[in-house]
C-alpha atoms as a PDB file:
ATOM      1  CA  MET A   1     -22.912   0.698  -4.767  1.00  0.00           C
ATOM      2  CA  THR A   2     -20.551   3.322  -3.138  1.00  0.00           C
ATOM      3  CA  ASP A   3     -18.705   2.844  -0.129  1.00  0.00           C
ATOM      4  CA  LYS A   4     -19.510   4.093   3.333  1.00  0.00           C
ATOM      5  CA  ILE A   5     -16.172   4.735   5.677  1.00  0.00           C
ATOM      6  CA  LEU A   6     -16.040   5.237   8.768  1.00  0.00           C
ATOM      7  CA  VAL A   7     -12.619   6.424  10.227  1.00  0.00           C
ATOM      8  CA  LEU A   8     -12.710   6.082  13.873  1.00  0.00           C
ATOM      9  CA  GLY A   9      -9.368   8.147  15.617  1.00  0.00           C
ATOM     10  CA  ALA A  10      -9.985  10.141  13.434  1.00  0.00           C
ATOM     11  CA  SER A  11      -8.399  13.434  15.114  1.00  0.00           C
ATOM     12  CA  GLY A  12      -5.184  11.371  15.674  1.00  0.00           C
ATOM     13  CA  GLN A  13      -1.865  11.109  13.684  1.00  0.00           C
ATOM     14  CA  ILE A  14      -2.711   8.686  11.363  1.00  0.00           C
ATOM     15  CA  GLY A  15      -6.540   9.298  10.896  1.00  0.00           C
ATOM     16  CA  THR A  16      -6.007  13.075   9.782  1.00  0.00           C
ATOM     17  CA  ASP A  17      -3.936  12.247   6.786  1.00  0.00           C
ATOM     18  CA  LEU A  18      -6.097   9.638   6.007  1.00  0.00           C
ATOM     19  CA  ILE A  19      -9.815  10.877   5.792  1.00  0.00           C
ATOM     20  CA  MET A  20      -8.924  13.571   3.878  1.00  0.00           C
ATOM     21  CA  GLN A  21      -7.045  10.627   1.583  1.00  0.00           C
ATOM     22  CA  LEU A  22     -10.671   8.850   1.559  1.00  0.00           C
ATOM     23  CA  ARG A  23     -12.631  12.007   0.924  1.00  0.00           C
ATOM     24  CA  LEU A  24     -10.185  12.537  -2.465  1.00  0.00           C
ATOM     25  CA  ASP A  25     -11.067   8.669  -3.275  1.00  0.00           C
ATOM     26  CA  TYR A  26     -14.840   8.348  -2.325  1.00  0.00           C
ATOM     27  CA  GLY A  27     -15.963  11.436  -1.856  1.00  0.00           C
ATOM     28  CA  ASN A  28     -16.258  13.942   0.859  1.00  0.00           C
ATOM     29  CA  ASP A  29     -19.818  12.641   1.695  1.00  0.00           C
ATOM     30  CA  ASN A  30     -19.009   9.498   1.757  1.00  0.00           C
ATOM     31  CA  VAL A  31     -16.386   9.200   4.613  1.00  0.00           C
ATOM     32  CA  VAL A  32     -17.205   9.805   7.917  1.00  0.00           C
ATOM     33  CA  ALA A  33     -14.835  10.760  10.770  1.00  0.00           C
ATOM     34  CA  SER A  34     -15.665  10.027  14.408  1.00  0.00           C
ATOM     35  CA  ASP A  35     -14.033  10.749  17.223  1.00  0.00           C
ATOM     36  CA  ILE A  36     -14.280  11.504  21.037  1.00  0.00           C
ATOM     37  CA  LYS A  37     -12.359  15.164  20.253  1.00  0.00           C
ATOM     38  CA  LYS A  38     -13.448  17.198  17.283  1.00  0.00           C
ATOM     39  CA  PRO A  39     -11.032  16.961  14.891  1.00  0.00           C
ATOM     40  CA  VAL A  40      -8.821  20.249  12.710  1.00  0.00           C
ATOM     41  CA  ASP A  41     -11.063  22.679  11.109  1.00  0.00           C
ATOM     42  CA  PHE A  42     -10.510  21.037   8.020  1.00  0.00           C
ATOM     43  CA  ILE A  43     -11.722  17.376   8.597  1.00  0.00           C
ATOM     44  CA  LEU A  44     -14.759  19.163  10.392  1.00  0.00           C
ATOM     45  CA  ASN A  45     -15.754  21.153   7.423  1.00  0.00           C
ATOM     46  CA  SER A  46     -15.093  18.945   4.383  1.00  0.00           C
ATOM     47  CA  GLY A  47     -16.936  16.580   5.518  1.00  0.00           C
ATOM     48  CA  PRO A  48     -19.496  14.800   7.601  1.00  0.00           C
ATOM     49  CA  PHE A  49     -18.269  14.169  11.599  1.00  0.00           C
ATOM     50  CA  GLU A  50     -19.865  12.180  14.471  1.00  0.00           C
ATOM     51  CA  GLU A  51     -18.467  12.321  18.101  1.00  0.00           C
ATOM     52  CA  ILE A  52     -18.333   8.636  19.491  1.00  0.00           C
ATOM     53  CA  ASN A  53     -16.780   6.867  22.481  1.00  0.00           C
ATOM     54  CA  VAL A  54     -16.093   3.602  21.113  1.00  0.00           C
ATOM     55  CA  LEU A  55     -16.564   2.134  24.194  1.00  0.00           C
ATOM     56  CA  ASP A  56     -20.328   3.305  23.869  1.00  0.00           C
ATOM     57  CA  GLU A  57     -20.994   0.418  21.097  1.00  0.00           C
ATOM     58  CA  ASN A  58     -24.646   1.333  20.793  1.00  0.00           C
ATOM     59  CA  ARG A  59     -23.528   5.032  19.835  1.00  0.00           C
ATOM     60  CA  LEU A  60     -21.355   3.180  17.830  1.00  0.00           C
ATOM     61  CA  LEU A  61     -23.873   0.872  15.787  1.00  0.00           C
ATOM     62  CA  GLU A  62     -25.979   4.025  15.760  1.00  0.00           C
ATOM     63  CA  VAL A  63     -23.284   5.909  13.961  1.00  0.00           C
ATOM     64  CA  VAL A  64     -22.850   2.392  11.151  1.00  0.00           C
ATOM     65  CA  LYS A  65     -26.870   2.409  10.875  1.00  0.00           C
ATOM     66  CA  LYS A  66     -27.895   6.367  10.620  1.00  0.00           C
ATOM     67  CA  TYR A  67     -24.861   6.677   7.004  1.00  0.00           C
ATOM     68  CA  LYS A  68     -25.259   2.946   6.127  1.00  0.00           C
ATOM     69  CA  ILE A  69     -21.733   2.164   6.721  1.00  0.00           C
ATOM     70  CA  THR A  70     -19.462  -0.722   4.716  1.00  0.00           C
ATOM     71  CA  GLN A  71     -16.379  -0.214   5.756  1.00  0.00           C
ATOM     72  CA  VAL A  72     -14.819   0.867   9.255  1.00  0.00           C
ATOM     73  CA  TYR A  73     -11.119   1.582   9.721  1.00  0.00           C
ATOM     74  CA  HIS A  74     -10.288   1.650  13.647  1.00  0.00           C
ATOM     75  CA  LEU A  75      -7.627   3.491  14.309  1.00  0.00           C
ATOM     76  CA  VAL A  76      -8.665   4.534  18.170  1.00  0.00           C
ATOM     77  CA  ALA A  77      -5.964   2.705  20.540  1.00  0.00           C
ATOM     78  CA  MET A  78      -3.956   4.258  23.601  1.00  0.00           C
ATOM     79  CA  LEU A  79      -0.580   4.002  22.434  1.00  0.00           C
ATOM     80  CA  SER A  80       2.921   2.615  24.662  1.00  0.00           C
ATOM     81  CA  ALA A  81       4.556   4.794  27.129  1.00  0.00           C
ATOM     82  CA  THR A  82       0.158   6.221  27.646  1.00  0.00           C
ATOM     83  CA  GLY A  83      -0.999   2.412  28.298  1.00  0.00           C
ATOM     84  CA  GLU A  84       1.852   2.008  30.443  1.00  0.00           C
ATOM     85  CA  LYS A  85       0.532   4.177  33.008  1.00  0.00           C
ATOM     86  CA  PHE A  86      -2.747   3.186  32.289  1.00  0.00           C
ATOM     87  CA  PRO A  87      -2.430  -0.386  31.733  1.00  0.00           C
ATOM     88  CA  ALA A  88      -5.863  -1.515  32.429  1.00  0.00           C
ATOM     89  CA  ALA A  89      -7.768   1.330  30.409  1.00  0.00           C
ATOM     90  CA  GLY A  90      -5.592   0.485  27.898  1.00  0.00           C
ATOM     91  CA  TRP A  91      -6.543  -2.697  27.555  1.00  0.00           C
ATOM     92  CA  LYS A  92      -9.868  -1.762  27.700  1.00  0.00           C
ATOM     93  CA  LEU A  93     -10.073   0.755  24.849  1.00  0.00           C
ATOM     94  CA  ASN A  94      -7.967  -1.410  22.911  1.00  0.00           C
ATOM     95  CA  MET A  95      -9.470  -5.023  22.902  1.00  0.00           C
ATOM     96  CA  ASP A  96     -13.485  -3.808  23.662  1.00  0.00           C
ATOM     97  CA  SER A  97     -13.306  -1.285  20.825  1.00  0.00           C
ATOM     98  CA  LEU A  98     -11.724  -3.949  18.379  1.00  0.00           C
ATOM     99  CA  PHE A  99     -14.908  -6.468  19.499  1.00  0.00           C
ATOM    100  CA  SER A 100     -17.177  -4.300  18.541  1.00  0.00           C
ATOM    101  CA  VAL A 101     -16.451  -3.832  15.732  1.00  0.00           C
ATOM    102  CA  LEU A 102     -15.532  -7.500  14.628  1.00  0.00           C
ATOM    103  CA  ASN A 103     -18.930  -8.329  15.441  1.00  0.00           C
ATOM    104  CA  MET A 104     -20.615  -5.971  13.826  1.00  0.00           C
ATOM    105  CA  ALA A 105     -18.972  -7.606  10.478  1.00  0.00           C
ATOM    106  CA  LYS A 106     -19.596 -10.943  11.962  1.00  0.00           C
ATOM    107  CA  ASP A 107     -23.477  -9.563  12.258  1.00  0.00           C
ATOM    108  CA  GLY A 108     -23.793  -8.714   8.407  1.00  0.00           C
ATOM    109  CA  LEU A 109     -23.367  -4.737   9.216  1.00  0.00           C
ATOM    110  CA  LEU A 110     -20.292  -4.014   7.514  1.00  0.00           C
ATOM    111  CA  LYS A 111     -18.033  -5.579   4.546  1.00  0.00           C
ATOM    112  CA  LYS A 112     -14.305  -4.876   5.267  1.00  0.00           C
ATOM    113  CA  VAL A 113     -12.361  -3.491   9.159  1.00  0.00           C
ATOM    114  CA  TYR A 114      -9.354  -2.224   8.988  1.00  0.00           C
ATOM    115  CA  TRP A 115      -7.499  -2.698  12.164  1.00  0.00           C
ATOM    116  CA  PRO A 116      -3.818  -1.371  12.708  1.00  0.00           C
ATOM    117  CA  SER A 117      -1.304  -3.508  14.565  1.00  0.00           C
ATOM    118  CA  SER A 118       2.792  -2.454  15.283  1.00  0.00           C
ATOM    119  CA  ILE A 119       6.214  -3.191  15.692  1.00  0.00           C
ATOM    120  CA  ALA A 120       5.136  -3.132  19.558  1.00  0.00           C
ATOM    121  CA  SER A 121       3.480  -7.253  18.581  1.00  0.00           C
ATOM    122  CA  PHE A 122       7.034  -8.041  18.963  1.00  0.00           C
ATOM    123  CA  GLY A 123       9.193  -8.163  22.186  1.00  0.00           C
ATOM    124  CA  PRO A 124      12.440  -8.604  23.570  1.00  0.00           C
ATOM    125  CA  THR A 125      13.131 -12.059  22.198  1.00  0.00           C
ATOM    126  CA  THR A 126      11.978 -11.555  19.010  1.00  0.00           C
ATOM    127  CA  PRO A 127      14.925 -11.360  16.299  1.00  0.00           C
ATOM    128  CA  ARG A 128      15.911  -7.487  15.833  1.00  0.00           C
ATOM    129  CA  THR A 129      17.410  -7.167  12.215  1.00  0.00           C
ATOM    130  CA  ASN A 130      15.119  -7.582   9.075  1.00  0.00           C
ATOM    131  CA  THR A 131      12.070  -9.206  11.588  1.00  0.00           C
ATOM    132  CA  ALA A 132      10.212 -12.069   9.746  1.00  0.00           C
ATOM    133  CA  GLN A 133       6.632 -12.011   8.925  1.00  0.00           C
ATOM    134  CA  TYR A 134       6.108 -15.266  11.215  1.00  0.00           C
ATOM    135  CA  THR A 135       8.663 -14.566  14.588  1.00  0.00           C
ATOM    136  CA  ILE A 136       8.809 -15.356  17.688  1.00  0.00           C
ATOM    137  CA  MET A 137       6.318 -12.192  19.434  1.00  0.00           C
ATOM    138  CA  ASP A 138       6.739 -11.879  23.193  1.00  0.00           C
ATOM    139  CA  PRO A 139       5.539  -7.722  23.791  1.00  0.00           C
ATOM    140  CA  GLY A 140       6.413  -6.533  26.996  1.00  0.00           C
ATOM    141  CA  THR A 141       3.639  -3.609  27.218  1.00  0.00           C
ATOM    142  CA  VAL A 142      -0.190  -3.150  27.474  1.00  0.00           C
ATOM    143  CA  TYR A 143       0.059  -2.305  23.885  1.00  0.00           C
ATOM    144  CA  GLY A 144       1.942  -4.595  22.182  1.00  0.00           C
ATOM    145  CA  ILE A 145       0.050  -6.960  24.165  1.00  0.00           C
ATOM    146  CA  SER A 146      -3.167  -5.960  23.226  1.00  0.00           C
ATOM    147  CA  LYS A 147      -1.965  -5.514  19.229  1.00  0.00           C
ATOM    148  CA  LEU A 148      -0.495  -9.214  19.400  1.00  0.00           C
ATOM    149  CA  SER A 149      -4.281 -10.523  20.903  1.00  0.00           C
ATOM    150  CA  GLY A 150      -5.537  -8.060  18.257  1.00  0.00           C
ATOM    151  CA  GLU A 151      -3.874  -9.955  15.415  1.00  0.00           C
ATOM    152  CA  LEU A 152      -4.840 -13.096  16.576  1.00  0.00           C
ATOM    153  CA  TRP A 153      -8.803 -12.193  17.045  1.00  0.00           C
ATOM    154  CA  CYS A 154      -9.047 -10.787  13.794  1.00  0.00           C
ATOM    155  CA  ASP A 155      -7.053 -13.909  12.069  1.00  0.00           C
ATOM    156  CA  TYR A 156     -10.105 -15.703  14.324  1.00  0.00           C
ATOM    157  CA  TYR A 157     -12.875 -14.167  12.967  1.00  0.00           C
ATOM    158  CA  HIS A 158     -11.548 -13.983   9.541  1.00  0.00           C
ATOM    159  CA  LYS A 159     -11.595 -18.043   9.805  1.00  0.00           C
ATOM    160  CA  LYS A 160     -14.449 -18.760  12.030  1.00  0.00           C
ATOM    161  CA  TYR A 161     -17.128 -15.495  10.986  1.00  0.00           C
ATOM    162  CA  GLY A 162     -15.560 -14.875   7.303  1.00  0.00           C
ATOM    163  CA  VAL A 163     -14.626 -11.293   8.189  1.00  0.00           C
ATOM    164  CA  ASP A 164     -12.862  -9.154   5.859  1.00  0.00           C
ATOM    165  CA  VAL A 165     -10.306  -7.723   8.178  1.00  0.00           C
ATOM    166  CA  ARG A 166      -7.170  -6.608   6.997  1.00  0.00           C
ATOM    167  CA  SER A 167      -4.085  -5.236   8.758  1.00  0.00           C
ATOM    168  CA  VAL A 168      -0.712  -4.016   8.614  1.00  0.00           C
ATOM    169  CA  ARG A 169       2.124  -3.266  11.713  1.00  0.00           C
ATOM    170  CA  TYR A 170       3.329   0.241  11.378  1.00  0.00           C
ATOM    171  CA  PRO A 171       6.872   1.026  12.370  1.00  0.00           C
ATOM    172  CA  GLY A 172       7.208   4.854  13.758  1.00  0.00           C
ATOM    173  CA  LEU A 173       4.976   7.338  11.784  1.00  0.00           C
ATOM    174  CA  ILE A 174       6.499  10.377  10.849  1.00  0.00           C
ATOM    175  CA  SER A 175       3.920  13.112  10.308  1.00  0.00           C
ATOM    176  CA  TYR A 176       3.682  17.410  10.320  1.00  0.00           C
ATOM    177  CA  LYS A 177      -0.061  17.388  10.024  1.00  0.00           C
ATOM    178  CA  THR A 178      -0.226  16.339  14.694  1.00  0.00           C
ATOM    179  CA  GLN A 179       1.603  16.659  17.425  1.00  0.00           C
ATOM    180  CA  PRO A 180       3.229  13.496  19.163  1.00  0.00           C
ATOM    181  CA  GLY A 181       0.762  11.257  20.885  1.00  0.00           C
ATOM    182  CA  GLY A 182       1.874   9.287  23.668  1.00  0.00           C
ATOM    183  CA  GLY A 183       4.180   6.741  21.565  1.00  0.00           C
ATOM    184  CA  THR A 184       7.865   5.653  21.903  1.00  0.00           C
ATOM    185  CA  THR A 185       8.580   6.690  18.234  1.00  0.00           C
ATOM    186  CA  ASP A 186       7.191   9.733  18.567  1.00  0.00           C
ATOM    187  CA  TYR A 187      11.000  11.555  19.587  1.00  0.00           C
ATOM    188  CA  ALA A 188      10.909  11.878  15.714  1.00  0.00           C
ATOM    189  CA  VAL A 189       7.892  13.991  15.663  1.00  0.00           C
ATOM    190  CA  ASP A 190       8.819  16.238  18.580  1.00  0.00           C
ATOM    191  CA  ILE A 191      12.415  16.814  17.366  1.00  0.00           C
ATOM    192  CA  PHE A 192      11.345  18.227  13.747  1.00  0.00           C
ATOM    193  CA  HIS A 193       9.072  20.818  16.013  1.00  0.00           C
ATOM    194  CA  GLN A 194      12.187  21.204  18.509  1.00  0.00           C
ATOM    195  CA  ALA A 195      14.360  22.130  15.857  1.00  0.00           C
ATOM    196  CA  LEU A 196      12.681  25.166  14.485  1.00  0.00           C
ATOM    197  CA  LYS A 197      11.810  26.486  17.606  1.00  0.00           C
ATOM    198  CA  THR A 198      14.298  25.951  19.868  1.00  0.00           C
ATOM    199  CA  ASN A 199      16.933  24.745  17.312  1.00  0.00           C
ATOM    200  CA  SER A 200      17.750  22.024  19.883  1.00  0.00           C
ATOM    201  CA  TYR A 201      16.160  18.962  21.435  1.00  0.00           C
ATOM    202  CA  GLU A 202      16.160  16.885  24.163  1.00  0.00           C
ATOM    203  CA  CYS A 203      15.650  13.107  23.187  1.00  0.00           C
ATOM    204  CA  PHE A 204      14.200  10.152  25.573  1.00  0.00           C
ATOM    205  CA  LEU A 205      16.211   7.445  23.488  1.00  0.00           C
ATOM    206  CA  ALA A 206      20.104   7.011  23.177  1.00  0.00           C
ATOM    207  CA  GLU A 207      21.894   8.031  20.371  1.00  0.00           C
ATOM    208  CA  ASN A 208      22.024   4.206  19.023  1.00  0.00           C
ATOM    209  CA  THR A 209      18.427   3.051  19.703  1.00  0.00           C
ATOM    210  CA  VAL A 210      17.387   2.232  15.588  1.00  0.00           C
ATOM    211  CA  LEU A 211      13.793   1.750  15.316  1.00  0.00           C
ATOM    212  CA  PRO A 212      12.275   0.908  12.011  1.00  0.00           C
ATOM    213  CA  MET A 213      10.187   4.329  10.875  1.00  0.00           C
ATOM    214  CA  MET A 214       7.845   5.452   7.579  1.00  0.00           C
ATOM    215  CA  TYR A 215       6.703   8.647   6.353  1.00  0.00           C
ATOM    216  CA  MET A 216       3.244   9.258   6.548  1.00  0.00           C
ATOM    217  CA  PRO A 217       1.874   9.152   3.596  1.00  0.00           C
ATOM    218  CA  ASP A 218       3.200   6.053   2.788  1.00  0.00           C
ATOM    219  CA  ALA A 219       1.468   4.640   5.791  1.00  0.00           C
ATOM    220  CA  ILE A 220      -1.508   6.304   3.797  1.00  0.00           C
ATOM    221  CA  LYS A 221      -0.602   4.520   0.811  1.00  0.00           C
ATOM    222  CA  ALA A 222      -0.614   1.028   2.849  1.00  0.00           C
ATOM    223  CA  THR A 223      -3.600   1.193   4.446  1.00  0.00           C
ATOM    224  CA  ILE A 224      -5.790   2.354   1.560  1.00  0.00           C
ATOM    225  CA  GLY A 225      -3.410  -0.679  -0.233  1.00  0.00           C
ATOM    226  CA  ILE A 226      -4.457  -3.372   1.509  1.00  0.00           C
ATOM    227  CA  MET A 227      -8.127  -2.299   1.980  1.00  0.00           C
ATOM    228  CA  GLU A 228      -8.232  -1.740  -1.839  1.00  0.00           C
ATOM    229  CA  ALA A 229      -6.368  -5.009  -2.740  1.00  0.00           C
ATOM    230  CA  PRO A 230      -8.520  -8.081  -4.177  1.00  0.00           C
ATOM    231  CA  SER A 231      -9.709 -10.036  -0.718  1.00  0.00           C
ATOM    232  CA  GLU A 232      -7.809 -13.298  -2.773  1.00  0.00           C
ATOM    233  CA  ASP A 233      -4.696 -11.131  -2.632  1.00  0.00           C
ATOM    234  CA  VAL A 234      -4.730 -10.796   1.239  1.00  0.00           C
ATOM    235  CA  LYS A 235      -3.798 -13.803   2.111  1.00  0.00           C
ATOM    236  CA  ILE A 236      -2.292 -12.836   5.763  1.00  0.00           C
ATOM    237  CA  ARG A 237      -5.249 -12.083   8.248  1.00  0.00           C
ATOM    238  CA  THR A 238      -3.244 -11.553  11.537  1.00  0.00           C
ATOM    239  CA  SER A 239      -1.245  -8.568  10.327  1.00  0.00           C
ATOM    240  CA  TYR A 240       1.497  -7.949   7.268  1.00  0.00           C
ATOM    241  CA  ASN A 241       5.053  -6.180   8.506  1.00  0.00           C
ATOM    242  CA  LEU A 242       5.143  -3.091   6.970  1.00  0.00           C
ATOM    243  CA  SER A 243       8.779  -1.240   6.198  1.00  0.00           C
ATOM    244  CA  ALA A 244      10.750   2.203   4.270  1.00  0.00           C
ATOM    245  CA  PHE A 245      13.709   2.480   6.424  1.00  0.00           C
ATOM    246  CA  SER A 246      15.161   2.236   9.724  1.00  0.00           C
ATOM    247  CA  PHE A 247      17.365   5.198  11.790  1.00  0.00           C
ATOM    248  CA  ASP A 248      17.991   6.354  15.565  1.00  0.00           C
ATOM    249  CA  PRO A 249      18.198   9.810  17.110  1.00  0.00           C
ATOM    250  CA  LYS A 250      21.923  10.615  16.227  1.00  0.00           C
ATOM    251  CA  THR A 251      21.080   9.681  12.370  1.00  0.00           C
ATOM    252  CA  LEU A 252      18.143  11.988  12.173  1.00  0.00           C
ATOM    253  CA  ALA A 253      19.412  14.661  14.188  1.00  0.00           C
ATOM    254  CA  ASP A 254      22.556  14.928  11.802  1.00  0.00           C
ATOM    255  CA  LYS A 255      20.426  14.783   8.896  1.00  0.00           C
ATOM    256  CA  ILE A 256      18.325  18.053  10.365  1.00  0.00           C
ATOM    257  CA  LYS A 257      21.695  19.011  11.250  1.00  0.00           C
ATOM    258  CA  SER A 258      22.785  19.537   7.715  1.00  0.00           C
ATOM    259  CA  GLN A 259      19.690  21.700   7.047  1.00  0.00           C
ATOM    260  CA  LEU A 260      19.726  23.607  10.324  1.00  0.00           C
ATOM    261  CA  PRO A 261      23.568  24.144  11.088  1.00  0.00           C
ATOM    262  CA  ASN A 262      22.767  25.433  14.377  1.00  0.00           C
ATOM    263  CA  PHE A 263      20.406  22.848  15.854  1.00  0.00           C
ATOM    264  CA  ASN A 264      21.726  20.549  18.964  1.00  0.00           C
ATOM    265  CA  ILE A 265      20.629  17.282  20.844  1.00  0.00           C
ATOM    266  CA  SER A 266      21.257  16.118  24.305  1.00  0.00           C
ATOM    267  CA  TYR A 267      20.056  13.212  25.792  1.00  0.00           C
ATOM    268  CA  ALA A 268      17.976  12.473  28.925  1.00  0.00           C
ATOM    269  CA  ILE A 269      17.343   8.834  28.604  1.00  0.00           C
ATOM    270  CA  ASP A 270      14.325   7.471  30.152  1.00  0.00           C
ATOM    271  CA  SER A 271      11.619   4.041  30.250  1.00  0.00           C
ATOM    272  CA  ARG A 272      10.875   4.175  26.813  1.00  0.00           C
ATOM    273  CA  ASN A 273      14.262   2.968  25.570  1.00  0.00           C
ATOM    274  CA  ASP A 274      13.592   0.068  27.511  1.00  0.00           C
ATOM    275  CA  ILE A 275      10.575  -0.644  25.456  1.00  0.00           C
ATOM    276  CA  ALA A 276      12.421   0.586  22.110  1.00  0.00           C
ATOM    277  CA  LEU A 277      14.731  -1.548  22.637  1.00  0.00           C
ATOM    278  CA  SER A 278      12.652  -4.671  23.388  1.00  0.00           C
ATOM    279  CA  TRP A 279      11.364  -3.921  18.912  1.00  0.00           C
ATOM    280  CA  PRO A 280      13.362  -4.771  15.939  1.00  0.00           C
ATOM    281  CA  GLN A 281      14.879  -2.824  14.620  1.00  0.00           C
ATOM    282  CA  SER A 282      14.410  -3.405  11.003  1.00  0.00           C
ATOM    283  CA  MET A 283      11.693  -5.534   8.948  1.00  0.00           C
ATOM    284  CA  ASP A 284      11.238  -8.001   6.438  1.00  0.00           C
ATOM    285  CA  ASP A 285       7.982  -6.892   4.689  1.00  0.00           C
ATOM    286  CA  SER A 286       8.556  -8.941   1.893  1.00  0.00           C
ATOM    287  CA  ARG A 287       5.205 -10.647   1.716  1.00  0.00           C
ATOM    288  CA  ALA A 288       3.041  -7.723   1.788  1.00  0.00           C
ATOM    289  CA  ARG A 289       5.365  -6.461  -1.083  1.00  0.00           C
ATOM    290  CA  LYS A 290       4.456  -9.589  -3.273  1.00  0.00           C
ATOM    291  CA  ASP A 291       0.547 -10.456  -1.494  1.00  0.00           C
ATOM    292  CA  TRP A 292      -0.760  -6.607  -2.542  1.00  0.00           C
ATOM    293  CA  ALA A 293       2.039  -4.977  -4.354  1.00  0.00           C
ATOM    294  CA  TRP A 294       3.227  -3.049  -1.300  1.00  0.00           C
ATOM    295  CA  GLN A 295       5.848  -0.271  -2.168  1.00  0.00           C
ATOM    296  CA  HIS A 296       7.243   2.945  -0.416  1.00  0.00           C
ATOM    297  CA  ASP A 297       7.582   6.123  -2.094  1.00  0.00           C
ATOM    298  CA  TYR A 298      10.071   8.316   0.839  1.00  0.00           C
ATOM    299  CA  ASP A 299      13.609   7.496   2.176  1.00  0.00           C
ATOM    300  CA  LEU A 300      14.975   8.986   5.525  1.00  0.00           C
ATOM    301  CA  ASP A 301      16.512  12.099   3.076  1.00  0.00           C
ATOM    302  CA  ALA A 302      13.414  12.801   1.262  1.00  0.00           C
ATOM    303  CA  MET A 303      11.470  12.531   4.557  1.00  0.00           C
ATOM    304  CA  VAL A 304      13.328  15.106   6.404  1.00  0.00           C
ATOM    305  CA  LYS A 305      13.565  17.724   3.460  1.00  0.00           C
ATOM    306  CA  ASP A 306       9.789  17.338   3.255  1.00  0.00           C
ATOM    307  CA  MET A 307       9.258  17.966   7.083  1.00  0.00           C
ATOM    308  CA  LEU A 308      11.511  20.340   7.254  1.00  0.00           C
ATOM    309  CA  GLU A 309       9.864  22.301   4.778  1.00  0.00           C
ATOM    310  CA  ASN A 310       6.415  22.076   5.502  1.00  0.00           C
ATOM    311  CA  LEU A 311       6.642  22.676   8.984  1.00  0.00           C
ATOM    312  CA  SER A 312       8.731  25.575   7.790  1.00  0.00           C
ATOM    313  CA  LYS A 313       5.169  27.111   6.268  1.00  0.00           C
ATOM    314  CA  GLU A 314       3.693  27.399   9.474  1.00  0.00           C
END
């Protein structure tokens, strides 16, 4: 039987790319996009779309039954910077929606669940270089607290109820297909747009604030890869570390300047830099590479080249 897949948060940064790859892999009619707002035209026109507020559990259940959904990719979340402005709403959105999906899987309505975690699940006393899979985790943002809590609940539902839930801890993600969405790492997306529009960028992080990052094609590869791995190979049911490359704003700006000589960067550091300083600079993802053969394709230079080429076409 062909899997029927529902992607919650299909209009977001990850969902936009994930939907199209899943439709290539599974067939357009077998992948249902959903969000509280309509997605871009190429998603809307290539397969089914359902408007869903993930906090409306009855509506979510209605769509799951309507399409006989077997897998859910649950991407909806209020991100770090936005969550600090609306902490209670961020907690409610991030946690209540996860419980709805986990309970549907517990009740036998879903065979498999994907839920992403993040480097935000770490904190200021976490070792910041080559951060281990198992280490101190003391997040200091609502987003990070919800991600760490979610990891533990996913593990609990797997052990207690046999729910096949899978997760990776994303680093900062970079994509040319969507605009920045309220995350601390989103400077690494916005800088490309501003470089091509105005030849300048004002960065809210300090020039030497290093963060782990990943190009979106690799994030999609990892997301689908862990979901398609044999269940016995997925040995960690909290969330796997995931890594590709690390850089600071100055390094990225220099790479862009090598392609766009007139580009200049300036700095207006704000509270997001404090958030970034509580996160890892690099991560050890050897368990993901060992358990389900994860490997990335893009390094920093290849990412910069591809971003500029694609955004220049717009």
